[in-house]
């Protein structure tokens, strides 16, 4: 069952700087000095996501910007695991 707004707002405060999209996803953009650093970041996320078995939507644009969107596909909404992965991505 997806988290309700009151529930995910608490987790949102913990991960900070992520935006709720459509009431069922969280999203954040990261900007890098160059293309290679952006790709390296994506590869680090890929390794964590694969280990967690929880895969975000990743978009590279404007050569140095990466947008990450997290939600749990199986429930079509937010789950605690989305915020756990967001916290791990923040640490990168």
N, C-alpha and C. Protein backbone atom coordinates (compact mmCIF):
# COMPACT_ATOMS: atom_id res chain seq x y z
N UNK A 1 0.85 -1.18 0.00
CA UNK A 1 0.00 0.00 0.00
C UNK A 1 0.90 1.25 0.00
N UNK A 2 0.63 2.22 -0.88
CA UNK A 2 1.45 3.44 -0.93
C UNK A 2 1.31 4.26 0.35
N UNK A 3 2.37 4.99 0.66
CA UNK A 3 2.33 5.89 1.80
C UNK A 3 1.33 7.01 1.53
N UNK A 4 0.64 7.42 2.57
CA UNK A 4 -0.26 8.56 2.47
C UNK A 4 0.56 9.85 2.63
N UNK A 5 -0.02 10.96 2.23
CA UNK A 5 0.70 12.24 2.24
C UNK A 5 1.32 12.54 3.60
N UNK A 6 0.57 12.35 4.64
CA UNK A 6 1.07 12.63 6.00
C UNK A 6 2.28 11.76 6.32
N UNK A 7 2.25 10.52 5.86
CA UNK A 7 3.36 9.59 6.10
C UNK A 7 4.60 9.98 5.30
N UNK A 8 4.42 10.24 4.00
CA UNK A 8 5.61 10.52 3.19
C UNK A 8 6.19 11.90 3.49
N UNK A 9 5.38 12.83 4.02
CA UNK A 9 5.91 14.16 4.37
C UNK A 9 6.98 14.04 5.46
N UNK A 10 6.79 13.11 6.38
CA UNK A 10 7.78 12.88 7.44
C UNK A 10 9.10 12.41 6.85
N UNK A 11 9.04 11.44 5.94
CA UNK A 11 10.25 10.93 5.31
C UNK A 11 10.89 11.98 4.40
N UNK A 12 10.07 12.80 3.77
CA UNK A 12 10.57 13.84 2.88
C UNK A 12 11.45 14.83 3.64
N UNK A 13 11.05 15.15 4.86
CA UNK A 13 11.85 16.05 5.69
C UNK A 13 13.22 15.44 6.00
N UNK A 14 13.26 14.14 6.16
CA UNK A 14 14.52 13.46 6.49
C UNK A 14 15.48 13.47 5.31
N UNK A 15 14.99 13.18 4.10
CA UNK A 15 15.88 13.13 2.94
C UNK A 15 16.19 14.51 2.38
N UNK A 16 15.33 15.48 2.62
CA UNK A 16 15.57 16.85 2.19
C UNK A 16 15.81 17.03 0.70
N UNK A 17 15.41 18.17 0.17
CA UNK A 17 15.66 18.57 -1.21
C UNK A 17 15.11 17.63 -2.29
N UNK A 18 14.23 16.74 -1.95
CA UNK A 18 13.53 15.94 -2.95
C UNK A 18 12.14 16.53 -3.07
N UNK A 19 11.60 16.51 -4.27
CA UNK A 19 10.28 17.08 -4.54
C UNK A 19 9.28 15.98 -4.82
N UNK A 20 8.10 16.12 -4.27
CA UNK A 20 7.03 15.16 -4.55
C UNK A 20 6.41 15.52 -5.90
N UNK A 21 6.25 14.52 -6.75
CA UNK A 21 5.67 14.70 -8.08
C UNK A 21 4.41 13.84 -8.18
N UNK A 22 3.32 14.44 -8.60
CA UNK A 22 2.05 13.75 -8.80
C UNK A 22 1.54 13.06 -7.53
N UNK A 23 2.08 13.43 -6.38
CA UNK A 23 1.65 12.83 -5.12
C UNK A 23 2.04 11.38 -4.95
N UNK A 24 2.90 10.87 -5.85
CA UNK A 24 3.26 9.46 -5.75
C UNK A 24 4.70 9.15 -6.13
N UNK A 25 5.50 10.18 -6.37
CA UNK A 25 6.90 10.00 -6.73
C UNK A 25 7.72 11.07 -6.03
N UNK A 26 9.01 10.80 -5.84
CA UNK A 26 9.93 11.85 -5.40
C UNK A 26 11.00 12.02 -6.46
N UNK A 27 11.47 13.25 -6.59
CA UNK A 27 12.39 13.56 -7.68
C UNK A 27 13.41 14.59 -7.22
N UNK A 28 14.63 14.46 -7.77
CA UNK A 28 15.69 15.41 -7.45
C UNK A 28 16.62 15.53 -8.64
N UNK A 29 17.13 16.74 -8.85
CA UNK A 29 18.11 16.98 -9.90
C UNK A 29 19.48 17.24 -9.29
N UNK A 30 20.49 16.73 -9.95
CA UNK A 30 21.87 16.91 -9.55
C UNK A 30 22.62 17.53 -10.73
N UNK A 31 23.51 18.48 -10.44
CA UNK A 31 24.28 19.13 -11.50
C UNK A 31 25.76 18.86 -11.25
N UNK A 32 26.46 18.52 -12.33
CA UNK A 32 27.88 18.16 -12.24
C UNK A 32 28.73 19.08 -13.10
N UNK A 33 30.03 19.06 -12.84
CA UNK A 33 30.96 19.93 -13.57
C UNK A 33 31.13 19.51 -15.02
N UNK A 34 30.93 18.20 -15.28
CA UNK A 34 31.10 17.73 -16.65
C UNK A 34 30.32 16.43 -16.87
N UNK A 35 30.32 16.02 -18.12
CA UNK A 35 29.58 14.83 -18.55
C UNK A 35 30.09 13.57 -17.85
N UNK A 36 31.40 13.42 -17.75
CA UNK A 36 32.01 12.22 -17.16
C UNK A 36 31.58 12.06 -15.70
N UNK A 37 31.54 13.17 -14.94
CA UNK A 37 31.12 13.09 -13.53
C UNK A 37 29.64 12.72 -13.42
N UNK A 38 28.85 13.22 -14.35
CA UNK A 38 27.41 12.88 -14.36
C UNK A 38 27.23 11.38 -14.62
N UNK A 39 27.95 10.85 -15.58
CA UNK A 39 27.87 9.42 -15.90
C UNK A 39 28.39 8.57 -14.74
N UNK A 40 29.47 9.00 -14.10
CA UNK A 40 30.01 8.27 -12.95
C UNK A 40 28.96 8.20 -11.83
N UNK A 41 28.25 9.30 -11.61
CA UNK A 41 27.19 9.34 -10.61
C UNK A 41 26.09 8.35 -10.95
N UNK A 42 25.68 8.33 -12.21
CA UNK A 42 24.66 7.39 -12.66
C UNK A 42 25.10 5.95 -12.41
N UNK A 43 26.35 5.66 -12.70
CA UNK A 43 26.87 4.30 -12.49
C UNK A 43 26.88 3.93 -11.01
N UNK A 44 27.17 4.87 -10.13
CA UNK A 44 27.13 4.60 -8.69
C UNK A 44 25.69 4.31 -8.25
N UNK A 45 24.77 5.10 -8.77
CA UNK A 45 23.35 4.85 -8.45
C UNK A 45 22.93 3.47 -8.95
N UNK A 46 23.37 3.12 -10.14
CA UNK A 46 23.02 1.81 -10.71
C UNK A 46 23.48 0.67 -9.81
N UNK A 47 24.68 0.79 -9.28
CA UNK A 47 25.21 -0.27 -8.40
C UNK A 47 24.38 -0.38 -7.12
N UNK A 48 24.04 0.75 -6.52
CA UNK A 48 23.23 0.73 -5.30
C UNK A 48 21.83 0.18 -5.61
N UNK A 49 21.23 0.66 -6.69
CA UNK A 49 19.88 0.23 -7.05
C UNK A 49 19.82 -1.27 -7.31
N UNK A 50 20.83 -1.77 -7.99
CA UNK A 50 20.85 -3.21 -8.28
C UNK A 50 20.98 -4.02 -6.99
N UNK A 51 21.85 -3.56 -6.09
CA UNK A 51 22.02 -4.25 -4.80
C UNK A 51 20.74 -4.21 -3.97
N UNK A 52 20.00 -3.11 -4.06
CA UNK A 52 18.75 -2.95 -3.31
C UNK A 52 17.57 -3.63 -4.00
N UNK A 53 17.72 -3.92 -5.30
CA UNK A 53 16.59 -4.46 -6.05
C UNK A 53 15.49 -3.42 -6.22
N UNK A 54 15.89 -2.16 -6.23
CA UNK A 54 14.94 -1.04 -6.33
C UNK A 54 15.52 -0.04 -7.32
N UNK A 55 14.91 0.07 -8.49
CA UNK A 55 15.51 0.80 -9.60
C UNK A 55 14.78 2.11 -9.90
N UNK A 56 15.49 3.23 -9.81
CA UNK A 56 14.88 4.53 -10.10
C UNK A 56 14.81 4.80 -11.59
N UNK A 57 14.03 5.79 -11.94
CA UNK A 57 14.08 6.34 -13.29
C UNK A 57 15.22 7.36 -13.28
N UNK A 58 16.12 7.26 -14.24
CA UNK A 58 17.28 8.15 -14.31
C UNK A 58 17.27 8.85 -15.66
N UNK A 59 17.43 10.17 -15.62
CA UNK A 59 17.45 10.94 -16.86
C UNK A 59 18.69 11.84 -16.86
N UNK A 60 19.51 11.71 -17.88
CA UNK A 60 20.66 12.58 -18.09
C UNK A 60 20.25 13.60 -19.14
N UNK A 61 20.45 14.88 -18.84
CA UNK A 61 20.10 15.91 -19.82
C UNK A 61 21.07 17.09 -19.70
N UNK A 62 21.13 17.87 -20.75
CA UNK A 62 22.02 19.04 -20.81
C UNK A 62 23.46 18.69 -20.45
N UNK A 63 23.92 17.54 -20.82
CA UNK A 63 25.28 17.01 -20.67
C UNK A 63 25.79 16.89 -19.25
N UNK A 64 25.24 17.62 -18.28
CA UNK A 64 25.78 17.56 -16.92
C UNK A 64 24.73 17.49 -15.83
N UNK A 65 23.47 17.27 -16.21
CA UNK A 65 22.40 17.22 -15.22
C UNK A 65 21.78 15.84 -15.19
N UNK A 66 21.51 15.37 -13.98
CA UNK A 66 20.91 14.06 -13.78
C UNK A 66 19.66 14.25 -12.93
N UNK A 67 18.56 13.70 -13.40
CA UNK A 67 17.30 13.74 -12.67
C UNK A 67 16.95 12.32 -12.24
N UNK A 68 16.70 12.16 -10.96
CA UNK A 68 16.33 10.86 -10.40
C UNK A 68 14.88 10.93 -9.94
N UNK A 69 14.10 9.94 -10.36
CA UNK A 69 12.72 9.83 -9.92
C UNK A 69 12.55 8.47 -9.25
N UNK A 70 12.02 8.51 -8.05
CA UNK A 70 11.82 7.29 -7.27
C UNK A 70 10.34 7.09 -6.94
N UNK A 71 9.89 5.89 -7.13
CA UNK A 71 8.59 5.44 -6.64
C UNK A 71 8.58 3.92 -6.77
N UNK A 72 7.65 3.30 -6.09
CA UNK A 72 7.57 1.85 -6.12
C UNK A 72 6.53 1.47 -7.16
N UNK A 73 7.02 0.89 -8.25
CA UNK A 73 6.17 0.54 -9.38
C UNK A 73 5.04 -0.42 -8.99
N UNK A 74 5.35 -1.38 -8.15
CA UNK A 74 4.37 -2.41 -7.79
C UNK A 74 3.13 -1.85 -7.09
N UNK A 75 3.29 -0.73 -6.38
CA UNK A 75 2.15 -0.13 -5.69
C UNK A 75 1.75 1.22 -6.31
N UNK A 76 2.48 1.60 -7.37
CA UNK A 76 2.22 2.86 -8.07
C UNK A 76 2.18 4.04 -7.11
N UNK A 77 3.18 4.07 -6.22
CA UNK A 77 3.24 5.16 -5.24
C UNK A 77 4.51 5.08 -4.42
N UNK A 78 4.53 5.85 -3.37
CA UNK A 78 5.71 5.91 -2.52
C UNK A 78 5.68 4.87 -1.41
N UNK A 79 6.86 4.33 -1.16
CA UNK A 79 7.08 3.34 -0.11
C UNK A 79 8.31 3.79 0.68
N UNK A 80 8.47 3.29 1.86
CA UNK A 80 9.65 3.61 2.68
C UNK A 80 10.93 3.34 1.90
N UNK A 81 10.97 2.28 1.10
CA UNK A 81 12.16 1.94 0.33
C UNK A 81 12.59 3.07 -0.61
N UNK A 82 11.65 3.86 -1.10
CA UNK A 82 12.00 4.98 -1.96
C UNK A 82 12.83 6.01 -1.20
N UNK A 83 12.48 6.24 0.04
CA UNK A 83 13.19 7.21 0.86
C UNK A 83 14.54 6.66 1.33
N UNK A 84 14.61 5.36 1.54
CA UNK A 84 15.89 4.74 1.89
C UNK A 84 16.86 4.90 0.73
N UNK A 85 16.41 4.62 -0.48
CA UNK A 85 17.26 4.78 -1.66
C UNK A 85 17.62 6.25 -1.87
N UNK A 86 16.69 7.15 -1.64
CA UNK A 86 16.97 8.58 -1.77
C UNK A 86 18.08 9.00 -0.81
N UNK A 87 18.03 8.50 0.42
CA UNK A 87 19.06 8.82 1.41
C UNK A 87 20.42 8.30 0.97
N UNK A 88 20.45 7.11 0.41
CA UNK A 88 21.70 6.53 -0.08
C UNK A 88 22.25 7.33 -1.27
N UNK A 89 21.37 7.78 -2.13
CA UNK A 89 21.79 8.61 -3.27
C UNK A 89 22.33 9.95 -2.77
N UNK A 90 21.69 10.52 -1.76
CA UNK A 90 22.18 11.79 -1.19
C UNK A 90 23.62 11.67 -0.70
N UNK A 91 23.98 10.51 -0.17
CA UNK A 91 25.33 10.31 0.37
C UNK A 91 26.40 10.26 -0.70
N UNK A 92 25.99 10.00 -1.96
CA UNK A 92 26.96 9.95 -3.05
C UNK A 92 27.50 11.34 -3.30
